[in-house]
Amino acid sequence: MARRPEILYPLFAAVTSLPGVGRRLGRLFEKLCGPHVVDVLWHLPTGRVDRRFMPRVAEAPDGTVATVVVDVLSLQPPEAPRRPWRVLCSDDSGFLTLVYFHARRDWLERLVPPGTRR
């Protein structure tokens, strides 16, 4: 029976042998790609998202991935407990409303504080 060369042994070690990967993260790696380091190496990307398109708000076409730079105007809390938070934003061409479900005020205030540019 053929044996693999000793230099390849680290590739067949558990993913938890990688620096920064403990039991908890190791379980996620195992679900995603497999239990060995070599499985992580062979887990190739299936696609990509190009975020270079940067139109103004009024010029952003529907159905296209776009990155817009906006000023955060205000956080609007939900009218009822099961409703989403709304974040009103704008640039010099128009307005944009971001909708966050299951958000908390303190988290939103850190993520998109009013008066900042994002």
PDB file of N, CA and C in Angstrom:
ATOM      1  N   MET A   1       0.841  -1.172   0.000  1.00  0.00           N
ATOM      2  CA  MET A   1       0.000   0.000   0.000  1.00  0.00           C
ATOM      3  C   MET A   1       0.894   1.245   0.000  1.00  0.00           C
ATOM      4  N   ALA A   2       0.588   2.182  -0.889  1.00  0.00           N
ATOM      5  CA  ALA A   2       1.388   3.401  -1.027  1.00  0.00           C
ATOM      6  C   ALA A   2       1.087   4.362   0.116  1.00  0.00           C
ATOM      7  N   ARG A   3       2.127   4.983   0.613  1.00  0.00           N
ATOM      8  CA  ARG A   3       1.966   5.979   1.671  1.00  0.00           C
ATOM      9  C   ARG A   3       2.178   7.349   1.066  1.00  0.00           C
ATOM     10  N   ARG A   4       1.495   8.324   1.621  1.00  0.00           N
ATOM     11  CA  ARG A   4       1.714   9.687   1.136  1.00  0.00           C
ATOM     12  C   ARG A   4       3.021  10.209   1.712  1.00  0.00           C
ATOM     13  N   PRO A   5       3.676  11.109   0.977  1.00  0.00           N
ATOM     14  CA  PRO A   5       4.918  11.693   1.480  1.00  0.00           C
ATOM     15  C   PRO A   5       4.673  12.466   2.776  1.00  0.00           C
ATOM     16  N   GLU A   6       5.655  12.432   3.651  1.00  0.00           N
ATOM     17  CA  GLU A   6       5.530  13.058   4.960  1.00  0.00           C
ATOM     18  C   GLU A   6       5.284  14.564   4.875  1.00  0.00           C
ATOM     19  N   ILE A   7       5.760  15.199   3.810  1.00  0.00           N
ATOM     20  CA  ILE A   7       5.581  16.641   3.646  1.00  0.00           C
ATOM     21  C   ILE A   7       4.103  17.023   3.516  1.00  0.00           C
ATOM     22  N   LEU A   8       3.255  16.063   3.108  1.00  0.00           N
ATOM     23  CA  LEU A   8       1.827  16.325   2.927  1.00  0.00           C
ATOM     24  C   LEU A   8       1.005  16.108   4.196  1.00  0.00           C
ATOM     25  N   TYR A   9       1.593  15.593   5.248  1.00  0.00           N
ATOM     26  CA  TYR A   9       0.851  15.310   6.472  1.00  0.00           C
ATOM     27  C   TYR A   9       0.089  16.528   7.004  1.00  0.00           C
ATOM     28  N   PRO A  10       0.685  17.731   7.015  1.00  0.00           N
ATOM     29  CA  PRO A  10      -0.067  18.886   7.538  1.00  0.00           C
ATOM     30  C   PRO A  10      -1.347  19.182   6.754  1.00  0.00           C
ATOM     31  N   LEU A  11      -1.394  18.814   5.478  1.00  0.00           N
ATOM     32  CA  LEU A  11      -2.600  19.058   4.675  1.00  0.00           C
ATOM     33  C   LEU A  11      -3.765  18.179   5.114  1.00  0.00           C
ATOM     34  N   PHE A  12      -3.460  17.042   5.722  1.00  0.00           N
ATOM     35  CA  PHE A  12      -4.504  16.119   6.131  1.00  0.00           C
ATOM     36  C   PHE A  12      -4.779  16.191   7.635  1.00  0.00           C
ATOM     37  N   ALA A  13      -4.251  17.242   8.257  1.00  0.00           N
ATOM     38  CA  ALA A  13      -4.545  17.495   9.673  1.00  0.00           C
ATOM     39  C   ALA A  13      -5.949  18.087   9.792  1.00  0.00           C
ATOM     40  N   ALA A  14      -6.474  18.072  10.985  1.00  0.00           N
ATOM     41  CA  ALA A  14      -7.805  18.656  11.237  1.00  0.00           C
ATOM     42  C   ALA A  14      -7.743  20.168  11.045  1.00  0.00           C
ATOM     43  N   VAL A  15      -8.849  20.752  10.591  1.00  0.00           N
ATOM     44  CA  VAL A  15      -8.883  22.206  10.387  1.00  0.00           C
ATOM     45  C   VAL A  15      -8.616  22.951  11.686  1.00  0.00           C
ATOM     46  N   THR A  16      -8.879  22.327  12.813  1.00  0.00           N
ATOM     47  CA  THR A  16      -8.623  22.972  14.095  1.00  0.00           C
ATOM     48  C   THR A  16      -7.131  23.115  14.383  1.00  0.00           C
ATOM     49  N   SER A  17      -6.274  22.502  13.569  1.00  0.00           N
ATOM     50  CA  SER A  17      -4.829  22.670  13.744  1.00  0.00           C
ATOM     51  C   SER A  17      -4.350  23.995  13.163  1.00  0.00           C
ATOM     52  N   LEU A  18      -5.215  24.686  12.418  1.00  0.00           N
ATOM     53  CA  LEU A  18      -4.849  25.993  11.864  1.00  0.00           C
ATOM     54  C   LEU A  18      -4.875  27.052  12.964  1.00  0.00           C
ATOM     55  N   PRO A  19      -3.962  28.019  12.917  1.00  0.00           N
ATOM     56  CA  PRO A  19      -3.976  29.079  13.932  1.00  0.00           C
ATOM     57  C   PRO A  19      -5.288  29.862  13.886  1.00  0.00           C
ATOM     58  N   GLY A  20      -5.887  30.062  15.038  1.00  0.00           N
ATOM     59  CA  GLY A  20      -7.116  30.841  15.126  1.00  0.00           C
ATOM     60  C   GLY A  20      -8.386  30.046  14.884  1.00  0.00           C
ATOM     61  N   VAL A  21      -8.266  28.753  14.587  1.00  0.00           N
ATOM     62  CA  VAL A  21      -9.451  27.921  14.358  1.00  0.00           C
ATOM     63  C   VAL A  21      -9.590  26.966  15.530  1.00  0.00           C
ATOM     64  N   GLY A  22     -10.577  27.232  16.368  1.00  0.00           N
ATOM     65  CA  GLY A  22     -10.844  26.372  17.517  1.00  0.00           C
ATOM     66  C   GLY A  22     -11.945  25.374  17.209  1.00  0.00           C
ATOM     67  N   ARG A  23     -12.469  24.750  18.269  1.00  0.00           N
ATOM     68  CA  ARG A  23     -13.531  23.748  18.083  1.00  0.00           C
ATOM     69  C   ARG A  23     -14.765  24.340  17.422  1.00  0.00           C
ATOM     70  N   ARG A  24     -15.156  25.508  17.903  1.00  0.00           N
ATOM     71  CA  ARG A  24     -16.395  26.123  17.421  1.00  0.00           C
ATOM     72  C   ARG A  24     -16.302  26.487  15.936  1.00  0.00           C
ATOM     73  N   LEU A  25     -15.243  27.195  15.555  1.00  0.00           N
ATOM     74  CA  LEU A  25     -15.047  27.558  14.155  1.00  0.00           C
ATOM     75  C   LEU A  25     -14.751  26.325  13.309  1.00  0.00           C
ATOM     76  N   GLY A  26     -14.076  25.342  13.908  1.00  0.00           N
ATOM     77  CA  GLY A  26     -13.772  24.100  13.200  1.00  0.00           C
ATOM     78  C   GLY A  26     -15.024  23.376  12.748  1.00  0.00           C
ATOM     79  N   ARG A  27     -16.059  23.383  13.598  1.00  0.00           N
ATOM     80  CA  ARG A  27     -17.324  22.739  13.205  1.00  0.00           C
ATOM     81  C   ARG A  27     -17.947  23.434  11.998  1.00  0.00           C
ATOM     82  N   LEU A  28     -17.834  24.768  11.956  1.00  0.00           N
ATOM     83  CA  LEU A  28     -18.374  25.503  10.806  1.00  0.00           C
ATOM     84  C   LEU A  28     -17.589  25.179   9.533  1.00  0.00           C
ATOM     85  N   PHE A  29     -16.266  25.110   9.651  1.00  0.00           N
ATOM     86  CA  PHE A  29     -15.444  24.727   8.504  1.00  0.00           C
ATOM     87  C   PHE A  29     -15.822  23.335   8.010  1.00  0.00           C
ATOM     88  N   GLU A  30     -16.013  22.403   8.930  1.00  0.00           N
ATOM     89  CA  GLU A  30     -16.364  21.039   8.549  1.00  0.00           C
ATOM     90  C   GLU A  30     -17.682  20.987   7.798  1.00  0.00           C
ATOM     91  N   LYS A  31     -18.662  21.760   8.238  1.00  0.00           N
ATOM     92  CA  LYS A  31     -19.946  21.798   7.528  1.00  0.00           C
ATOM     93  C   LYS A  31     -19.797  22.398   6.139  1.00  0.00           C
ATOM     94  N   LEU A  32     -18.968  23.425   6.032  1.00  0.00           N
ATOM     95  CA  LEU A  32     -18.807  24.140   4.768  1.00  0.00           C
ATOM     96  C   LEU A  32     -18.008  23.341   3.747  1.00  0.00           C
ATOM     97  N   CYS A  33     -16.855  22.779   4.169  1.00  0.00           N
ATOM     98  CA  CYS A  33     -15.991  22.176   3.156  1.00  0.00           C
ATOM     99  C   CYS A  33     -15.389  20.837   3.547  1.00  0.00           C
ATOM    100  N   GLY A  34     -15.299  20.517   4.803  1.00  0.00           N
ATOM    101  CA  GLY A  34     -14.739  19.228   5.202  1.00  0.00           C
ATOM    102  C   GLY A  34     -13.858  19.354   6.424  1.00  0.00           C
ATOM    103  N   PRO A  35     -13.407  18.215   6.962  1.00  0.00           N
ATOM    104  CA  PRO A  35     -12.690  18.216   8.230  1.00  0.00           C
ATOM    105  C   PRO A  35     -11.177  18.464   8.146  1.00  0.00           C
ATOM    106  N   HIS A  36     -10.610  18.471   6.945  1.00  0.00           N
ATOM    107  CA  HIS A  36      -9.159  18.578   6.806  1.00  0.00           C
ATOM    108  C   HIS A  36      -8.736  19.909   6.197  1.00  0.00           C
ATOM    109  N   VAL A  37      -7.488  20.275   6.433  1.00  0.00           N
ATOM    110  CA  VAL A  37      -6.925  21.508   5.870  1.00  0.00           C
ATOM    111  C   VAL A  37      -7.014  21.475   4.340  1.00  0.00           C
ATOM    112  N   VAL A  38      -6.750  20.338   3.737  1.00  0.00           N
ATOM    113  CA  VAL A  38      -6.799  20.233   2.276  1.00  0.00           C
ATOM    114  C   VAL A  38      -8.209  20.513   1.742  1.00  0.00           C
ATOM    115  N   ASP A  39      -9.235  20.189   2.517  1.00  0.00           N
ATOM    116  CA  ASP A  39     -10.610  20.470   2.100  1.00  0.00           C
ATOM    117  C   ASP A  39     -10.848  21.972   2.001  1.00  0.00           C
ATOM    118  N   VAL A  40     -10.257  22.729   2.925  1.00  0.00           N
ATOM    119  CA  VAL A  40     -10.378  24.189   2.891  1.00  0.00           C
ATOM    120  C   VAL A  40      -9.676  24.737   1.648  1.00  0.00           C
ATOM    121  N   LEU A  41      -8.500  24.186   1.333  1.00  0.00           N
ATOM    122  CA  LEU A  41      -7.749  24.651   0.162  1.00  0.00           C
ATOM    123  C   LEU A  41      -8.494  24.396  -1.143  1.00  0.00           C
ATOM    124  N   TRP A  42      -9.242  23.307  -1.206  1.00  0.00           N
ATOM    125  CA  TRP A  42      -9.968  22.970  -2.435  1.00  0.00           C
ATOM    126  C   TRP A  42     -11.373  23.559  -2.489  1.00  0.00           C
ATOM    127  N   HIS A  43     -11.762  24.284  -1.452  1.00  0.00           N
ATOM    128  CA  HIS A  43     -13.078  24.938  -1.443  1.00  0.00           C
ATOM    129  C   HIS A  43     -12.948  26.258  -2.209  1.00  0.00           C
ATOM    130  N   LEU A  44     -13.194  26.208  -3.490  1.00  0.00           N
ATOM    131  CA  LEU A  44     -12.982  27.354  -4.365  1.00  0.00           C
ATOM    132  C   LEU A  44     -14.216  28.243  -4.425  1.00  0.00           C
ATOM    133  N   PRO A  45     -14.036  29.538  -4.708  1.00  0.00           N
ATOM    134  CA  PRO A  45     -15.189  30.442  -4.825  1.00  0.00           C
ATOM    135  C   PRO A  45     -16.071  30.051  -6.010  1.00  0.00           C
ATOM    136  N   THR A  46     -17.354  30.304  -5.875  1.00  0.00           N
ATOM    137  CA  THR A  46     -18.289  29.978  -6.951  1.00  0.00           C
ATOM    138  C   THR A  46     -18.701  31.210  -7.743  1.00  0.00           C
ATOM    139  N   GLY A  47     -18.335  32.382  -7.278  1.00  0.00           N
ATOM    140  CA  GLY A  47     -18.703  33.603  -7.983  1.00  0.00           C
ATOM    141  C   GLY A  47     -18.074  34.801  -7.303  1.00  0.00           C
ATOM    142  N   ARG A  48     -18.429  35.974  -7.779  1.00  0.00           N
ATOM    143  CA  ARG A  48     -17.925  37.189  -7.166  1.00  0.00           C
ATOM    144  C   ARG A  48     -18.946  38.299  -7.372  1.00  0.00           C
ATOM    145  N   VAL A  49     -18.842  39.338  -6.582  1.00  0.00           N
ATOM    146  CA  VAL A  49     -19.713  40.500  -6.705  1.00  0.00           C
ATOM    147  C   VAL A  49     -18.829  41.703  -6.976  1.00  0.00           C
ATOM    148  N   ASP A  50     -19.061  42.369  -8.089  1.00  0.00           N
ATOM    149  CA  ASP A  50     -18.288  43.549  -8.457  1.00  0.00           C
ATOM    150  C   ASP A  50     -18.983  44.775  -7.874  1.00  0.00           C
ATOM    151  N   ARG A  51     -18.343  45.424  -6.914  1.00  0.00           N
ATOM    152  CA  ARG A  51     -18.931  46.571  -6.229  1.00  0.00           C
ATOM    153  C   ARG A  51     -18.308  47.894  -6.669  1.00  0.00           C
ATOM    154  N   ARG A  52     -17.657  47.908  -7.837  1.00  0.00           N
ATOM    155  CA  ARG A  52     -16.991  49.130  -8.294  1.00  0.00           C
ATOM    156  C   ARG A  52     -17.954  50.157  -8.878  1.00  0.00           C
ATOM    157  N   PHE A  53     -19.129  49.748  -9.333  1.00  0.00           N
ATOM    158  CA  PHE A  53     -20.107  50.662  -9.915  1.00  0.00           C
ATOM    159  C   PHE A  53     -20.626  51.585  -8.816  1.00  0.00           C
ATOM    160  N   MET A  54     -20.377  52.907  -8.960  1.00  0.00           N
ATOM    161  CA  MET A  54     -20.734  53.868  -7.909  1.00  0.00           C
ATOM    162  C   MET A  54     -21.559  55.032  -8.461  1.00  0.00           C
ATOM    163  N   PRO A  55     -22.830  54.792  -8.802  1.00  0.00           N
ATOM    164  CA  PRO A  55     -23.665  55.885  -9.290  1.00  0.00           C
ATOM    165  C   PRO A  55     -24.181  56.738  -8.133  1.00  0.00           C
ATOM    166  N   ARG A  56     -24.766  57.876  -8.468  1.00  0.00           N
ATOM    167  CA  ARG A  56     -25.479  58.657  -7.462  1.00  0.00           C
ATOM    168  C   ARG A  56     -26.819  57.977  -7.222  1.00  0.00           C
ATOM    169  N   VAL A  57     -27.486  58.330  -6.148  1.00  0.00           N
ATOM    170  CA  VAL A  57     -28.736  57.662  -5.773  1.00  0.00           C
ATOM    171  C   VAL A  57     -29.756  57.706  -6.910  1.00  0.00           C
ATOM    172  N   ALA A  58     -29.960  58.859  -7.516  1.00  0.00           N
ATOM    173  CA  ALA A  58     -30.976  59.002  -8.565  1.00  0.00           C
ATOM    174  C   ALA A  58     -30.615  58.227  -9.830  1.00  0.00           C
ATOM    175  N   GLU A  59     -29.348  57.905 -10.026  1.00  0.00           N
ATOM    176  CA  GLU A  59     -28.905  57.230 -11.247  1.00  0.00           C
ATOM    177  C   GLU A  59     -28.735  55.722 -11.072  1.00  0.00           C
ATOM    178  N   ALA A  60     -28.933  55.198  -9.874  1.00  0.00           N
ATOM    179  CA  ALA A  60     -28.746  53.769  -9.621  1.00  0.00           C
ATOM    180  C   ALA A  60     -29.872  52.970 -10.268  1.00  0.00           C
ATOM    181  N   PRO A  61     -29.540  52.089 -11.211  1.00  0.00           N
ATOM    182  CA  PRO A  61     -30.585  51.298 -11.878  1.00  0.00           C
ATOM    183  C   PRO A  61     -31.097  50.159 -10.991  1.00  0.00           C
ATOM    184  N   ASP A  62     -32.362  49.799 -11.164  1.00  0.00           N
ATOM    185  CA  ASP A  62     -32.949  48.685 -10.425  1.00  0.00           C
ATOM    186  C   ASP A  62     -32.278  47.377 -10.852  1.00  0.00           C
ATOM    187  N   GLY A  63     -32.133  46.463  -9.909  1.00  0.00           N
ATOM    188  CA  GLY A  63     -31.629  45.135 -10.204  1.00  0.00           C
ATOM    189  C   GLY A  63     -30.133  45.053 -10.440  1.00  0.00           C
ATOM    190  N   THR A  64     -29.402  46.094 -10.130  1.00  0.00           N
ATOM    191  CA  THR A  64     -27.963  46.105 -10.341  1.00  0.00           C
ATOM    192  C   THR A  64     -27.263  46.343  -9.009  1.00  0.00           C
ATOM    193  N   VAL A  65     -26.165  45.644  -8.774  1.00  0.00           N
ATOM    194  CA  VAL A  65     -25.384  45.874  -7.567  1.00  0.00           C
ATOM    195  C   VAL A  65     -24.647  47.190  -7.743  1.00  0.00           C
ATOM    196  N   ALA A  66     -24.828  48.086  -6.792  1.00  0.00           N
ATOM    197  CA  ALA A  66     -24.190  49.396  -6.859  1.00  0.00           C
ATOM    198  C   ALA A  66     -23.748  49.811  -5.464  1.00  0.00           C
ATOM    199  N   THR A  67     -22.678  50.571  -5.414  1.00  0.00           N
ATOM    200  CA  THR A  67     -22.206  51.140  -4.161  1.00  0.00           C
ATOM    201  C   THR A  67     -22.500  52.627  -4.206  1.00  0.00           C
ATOM    202  N   VAL A  68     -23.287  53.101  -3.256  1.00  0.00           N
ATOM    203  CA  VAL A  68     -23.616  54.522  -3.230  1.00  0.00           C
ATOM    204  C   VAL A  68     -23.068  55.140  -1.948  1.00  0.00           C
ATOM    205  N   VAL A  69     -22.582  56.352  -2.056  1.00  0.00           N
ATOM    206  CA  VAL A  69     -22.097  57.097  -0.901  1.00  0.00           C
ATOM    207  C   VAL A  69     -23.194  58.074  -0.512  1.00  0.00           C
ATOM    208  N   VAL A  70     -23.654  57.943   0.740  1.00  0.00           N
ATOM    209  CA  VAL A  70     -24.780  58.767   1.195  1.00  0.00           C
ATOM    210  C   VAL A  70     -24.480  59.380   2.556  1.00  0.00           C
ATOM    211  N   ASP A  71     -25.223  60.444   2.855  1.00  0.00           N
ATOM    212  CA  ASP A  71     -25.204  61.044   4.187  1.00  0.00           C
ATOM    213  C   ASP A  71     -26.383  60.477   4.953  1.00  0.00           C
ATOM    214  N   VAL A  72     -26.135  60.015   6.183  1.00  0.00           N
ATOM    215  CA  VAL A  72     -27.203  59.462   7.017  1.00  0.00           C
ATOM    216  C   VAL A  72     -27.925  60.633   7.668  1.00  0.00           C
ATOM    217  N   LEU A  73     -29.227  60.748   7.396  1.00  0.00           N
ATOM    218  CA  LEU A  73     -30.011  61.858   7.917  1.00  0.00           C
ATOM    219  C   LEU A  73     -30.661  61.535   9.254  1.00  0.00           C
ATOM    220  N   SER A  74     -31.347  60.391   9.327  1.00  0.00           N
ATOM    221  CA  SER A  74     -32.039  60.066  10.577  1.00  0.00           C
ATOM    222  C   SER A  74     -32.344  58.581  10.681  1.00  0.00           C
ATOM    223  N   LEU A  75     -32.520  58.138  11.930  1.00  0.00           N
ATOM    224  CA  LEU A  75     -32.996  56.784  12.215  1.00  0.00           C
ATOM    225  C   LEU A  75     -34.461  56.894  12.583  1.00  0.00           C
ATOM    226  N   GLN A  76     -35.288  56.093  11.938  1.00  0.00           N
ATOM    227  CA  GLN A  76     -36.718  56.129  12.212  1.00  0.00           C
ATOM    228  C   GLN A  76     -37.130  54.814  12.869  1.00  0.00           C
ATOM    229  N   PRO A  77     -37.474  54.866  14.162  1.00  0.00           N
ATOM    230  CA  PRO A  77     -37.854  53.631  14.853  1.00  0.00           C
ATOM    231  C   PRO A  77     -39.169  53.075  14.304  1.00  0.00           C
ATOM    232  N   PRO A  78     -39.384  51.778  14.480  1.00  0.00           N
ATOM    233  CA  PRO A  78     -40.626  51.174  13.979  1.00  0.00           C
ATOM    234  C   PRO A  78     -41.849  51.682  14.742  1.00  0.00           C
ATOM    235  N   GLU A  79     -42.992  51.723  14.047  1.00  0.00           N
ATOM    236  CA  GLU A  79     -44.242  52.146  14.681  1.00  0.00           C
ATOM    237  C   GLU A  79     -44.793  51.055  15.593  1.00  0.00           C
ATOM    238  N   ALA A  80     -44.459  49.814  15.312  1.00  0.00           N
ATOM    239  CA  ALA A  80     -44.915  48.669  16.103  1.00  0.00           C
ATOM    240  C   ALA A  80     -43.714  47.741  16.319  1.00  0.00           C
ATOM    241  N   PRO A  81     -43.760  46.902  17.354  1.00  0.00           N
ATOM    242  CA  PRO A  81     -42.611  46.060  17.698  1.00  0.00           C
ATOM    243  C   PRO A  81     -42.102  45.147  16.563  1.00  0.00           C
ATOM    244  N   ARG A  82     -42.977  44.658  15.718  1.00  0.00           N
ATOM    245  CA  ARG A  82     -42.543  43.716  14.677  1.00  0.00           C
ATOM    246  C   ARG A  82     -42.257  44.387  13.336  1.00  0.00           C
ATOM    247  N   ARG A  83     -42.207  45.681  13.325  1.00  0.00           N
ATOM    248  CA  ARG A  83     -41.917  46.439  12.100  1.00  0.00           C
ATOM    249  C   ARG A  83     -40.426  46.752  12.012  1.00  0.00           C
ATOM    250  N   PRO A  84     -39.909  47.061  10.815  1.00  0.00           N
ATOM    251  CA  PRO A  84     -38.475  47.330  10.674  1.00  0.00           C
ATOM    252  C   PRO A  84     -38.098  48.774  11.018  1.00  0.00           C
ATOM    253  N   TRP A  85     -36.827  48.955  11.326  1.00  0.00           N
ATOM    254  CA  TRP A  85     -36.240  50.289  11.466  1.00  0.00           C
ATOM    255  C   TRP A  85     -35.985  50.819  10.067  1.00  0.00           C
ATOM    256  N   ARG A  86     -36.069  52.123   9.898  1.00  0.00           N
ATOM    257  CA  ARG A  86     -35.753  52.758   8.615  1.00  0.00           C
ATOM    258  C   ARG A  86     -34.662  53.795   8.865  1.00  0.00           C
ATOM    259  N   VAL A  87     -33.726  53.866   7.937  1.00  0.00           N
ATOM    260  CA  VAL A  87     -32.638  54.838   8.020  1.00  0.00           C
ATOM    261  C   VAL A  87     -32.729  55.705   6.779  1.00  0.00           C
ATOM    262  N   LEU A  88     -33.009  56.978   6.978  1.00  0.00           N
ATOM    263  CA  LEU A  88     -33.151  57.914   5.861  1.00  0.00           C
ATOM    264  C   LEU A  88     -31.774  58.455   5.495  1.00  0.00           C
ATOM    265  N   CYS A  89     -31.417  58.309   4.219  1.00  0.00           N
ATOM    266  CA  CYS A  89     -30.109  58.735   3.713  1.00  0.00           C
ATOM    267  C   CYS A  89     -30.321  59.557   2.447  1.00  0.00           C
ATOM    268  N   SER A  90     -29.285  60.328   2.063  1.00  0.00           N
ATOM    269  CA  SER A  90     -29.397  61.097   0.822  1.00  0.00           C
ATOM    270  C   SER A  90     -28.016  61.421   0.287  1.00  0.00           C
ATOM    271  N   ASP A  91     -27.996  61.771  -0.989  1.00  0.00           N
ATOM    272  CA  ASP A  91     -26.837  62.418  -1.585  1.00  0.00           C
ATOM    273  C   ASP A  91     -27.389  63.628  -2.325  1.00  0.00           C
ATOM    274  N   ASP A  92     -26.584  64.312  -3.132  1.00  0.00           N
ATOM    275  CA  ASP A  92     -27.070  65.532  -3.780  1.00  0.00           C
ATOM    276  C   ASP A  92     -28.093  65.272  -4.886  1.00  0.00           C
ATOM    277  N   SER A  93     -28.345  63.972  -5.208  1.00  0.00           N
ATOM    278  CA  SER A  93     -29.292  63.680  -6.284  1.00  0.00           C
ATOM    279  C   SER A  93     -30.624  63.124  -5.801  1.00  0.00           C
ATOM    280  N   GLY A  94     -30.698  62.651  -4.562  1.00  0.00           N
ATOM    281  CA  GLY A  94     -31.954  62.079  -4.101  1.00  0.00           C
ATOM    282  C   GLY A  94     -31.840  61.421  -2.743  1.00  0.00           C
ATOM    283  N   PHE A  95     -32.911  60.727  -2.359  1.00  0.00           N
ATOM    284  CA  PHE A  95     -33.006  60.086  -1.053  1.00  0.00           C
ATOM    285  C   PHE A  95     -33.023  58.575  -1.210  1.00  0.00           C
ATOM    286  N   LEU A  96     -32.604  57.906  -0.139  1.00  0.00           N
ATOM    287  CA  LEU A  96     -32.560  56.449  -0.106  1.00  0.00           C
ATOM    288  C   LEU A  96     -32.962  56.035   1.300  1.00  0.00           C
ATOM    289  N   THR A  97     -33.822  55.023   1.420  1.00  0.00           N
ATOM    290  CA  THR A  97     -34.216  54.516   2.727  1.00  0.00           C
ATOM    291  C   THR A  97     -33.673  53.111   2.889  1.00  0.00           C
ATOM    292  N   LEU A  98     -32.883  52.908   3.935  1.00  0.00           N
ATOM    293  CA  LEU A  98     -32.387  51.581   4.276  1.00  0.00           C
ATOM    294  C   LEU A  98     -33.355  50.970   5.274  1.00  0.00           C
ATOM    295  N   VAL A  99     -33.649  49.690   5.113  1.00  0.00           N
ATOM    296  CA  VAL A  99     -34.610  49.010   5.981  1.00  0.00           C
ATOM    297  C   VAL A  99     -33.891  47.895   6.723  1.00  0.00           C
ATOM    298  N   TYR A 100     -33.989  47.903   8.054  1.00  0.00           N
ATOM    299  CA  TYR A 100     -33.345  46.896   8.894  1.00  0.00           C
ATOM    300  C   TYR A 100     -34.392  46.169   9.721  1.00  0.00           C
ATOM    301  N   PHE A 101     -34.478  44.863   9.536  1.00  0.00           N
ATOM    302  CA  PHE A 101     -35.382  44.036  10.330  1.00  0.00           C
ATOM    303  C   PHE A 101     -34.620  43.504  11.537  1.00  0.00           C
ATOM    304  N   HIS A 102     -35.282  43.352  12.649  1.00  0.00           N
ATOM    305  CA  HIS A 102     -34.716  42.791  13.880  1.00  0.00           C
ATOM    306  C   HIS A 102     -33.485  43.561  14.356  1.00  0.00           C
ATOM    307  N   ALA A 103     -33.445  44.857  14.155  1.00  0.00           N
ATOM    308  CA  ALA A 103     -32.310  45.671  14.587  1.00  0.00           C
ATOM    309  C   ALA A 103     -32.588  46.286  15.956  1.00  0.00           C
ATOM    310  N   ARG A 104     -31.527  46.665  16.618  1.00  0.00           N
ATOM    311  CA  ARG A 104     -31.646  47.365  17.890  1.00  0.00           C
ATOM    312  C   ARG A 104     -31.089  48.776  17.720  1.00  0.00           C
ATOM    313  N   ARG A 105     -31.631  49.713  18.478  1.00  0.00           N
ATOM    314  CA  ARG A 105     -31.228  51.116  18.363  1.00  0.00           C
ATOM    315  C   ARG A 105     -29.722  51.282  18.559  1.00  0.00           C
ATOM    316  N   ASP A 106     -29.143  50.706  19.617  1.00  0.00           N
ATOM    317  CA  ASP A 106     -27.720  50.904  19.889  1.00  0.00           C
ATOM    318  C   ASP A 106     -26.843  50.370  18.758  1.00  0.00           C
ATOM    319  N   TRP A 107     -27.232  49.241  18.171  1.00  0.00           N
ATOM    320  CA  TRP A 107     -26.482  48.676  17.054  1.00  0.00           C
ATOM    321  C   TRP A 107     -26.550  49.599  15.838  1.00  0.00           C
ATOM    322  N   LEU A 108     -27.749  50.090  15.516  1.00  0.00           N
ATOM    323  CA  LEU A 108     -27.902  50.994  14.370  1.00  0.00           C
ATOM    324  C   LEU A 108     -27.168  52.310  14.583  1.00  0.00           C
ATOM    325  N   GLU A 109     -27.190  52.829  15.800  1.00  0.00           N
ATOM    326  CA  GLU A 109     -26.493  54.086  16.072  1.00  0.00           C
ATOM    327  C   GLU A 109     -24.984  53.945  15.907  1.00  0.00           C
ATOM    328  N   ARG A 110     -24.456  52.748  16.150  1.00  0.00           N
ATOM    329  CA  ARG A 110     -23.028  52.510  15.908  1.00  0.00           C
ATOM    330  C   ARG A 110     -22.747  52.279  14.422  1.00  0.00           C
ATOM    331  N   LEU A 111     -23.655  51.579  13.738  1.00  0.00           N
ATOM    332  CA  LEU A 111     -23.452  51.233  12.327  1.00  0.00           C
ATOM    333  C   LEU A 111     -23.641  52.434  11.403  1.00  0.00           C
ATOM    334  N   VAL A 112     -24.729  53.161  11.585  1.00  0.00           N
ATOM    335  CA  VAL A 112     -25.057  54.294  10.713  1.00  0.00           C
ATOM    336  C   VAL A 112     -25.493  55.504  11.546  1.00  0.00           C
ATOM    337  N   PRO A 113     -24.558  56.128  12.248  1.00  0.00           N
ATOM    338  CA  PRO A 113     -24.954  57.267  13.078  1.00  0.00           C
ATOM    339  C   PRO A 113     -25.401  58.441  12.231  1.00  0.00           C
ATOM    340  N   PRO A 114     -26.506  59.089  12.604  1.00  0.00           N
ATOM    341  CA  PRO A 114     -26.966  60.265  11.852  1.00  0.00           C
ATOM    342  C   PRO A 114     -25.876  61.327  11.793  1.00  0.00           C
ATOM    343  N   GLY A 115     -25.789  61.981  10.642  1.00  0.00           N
ATOM    344  CA  GLY A 115     -24.799  63.022  10.447  1.00  0.00           C
ATOM    345  C   GLY A 115     -23.487  62.525   9.857  1.00  0.00           C
ATOM    346  N   THR A 116     -23.389  61.236   9.587  1.00  0.00           N
ATOM    347  CA  THR A 116     -22.158  60.694   9.000  1.00  0.00           C
ATOM    348  C   THR A 116     -22.354  60.346   7.532  1.00  0.00           C
ATOM    349  N   ARG A 117     -21.258  60.165   6.856  1.00  0.00           N
ATOM    350  CA  ARG A 117     -21.284  59.741   5.452  1.00  0.00           C
ATOM    351  C   ARG A 117     -20.871  58.285   5.395  1.00  0.00           C
ATOM    352  N   ARG A 118     -21.654  57.497   4.725  1.00  0.00           N
ATOM    353  CA  ARG A 118     -21.386  56.053   4.584  1.00  0.00           C
ATOM    354  C   ARG A 118     -21.447  55.664   3.128  1.00  0.00           C
TER     355      ARG A 118
END
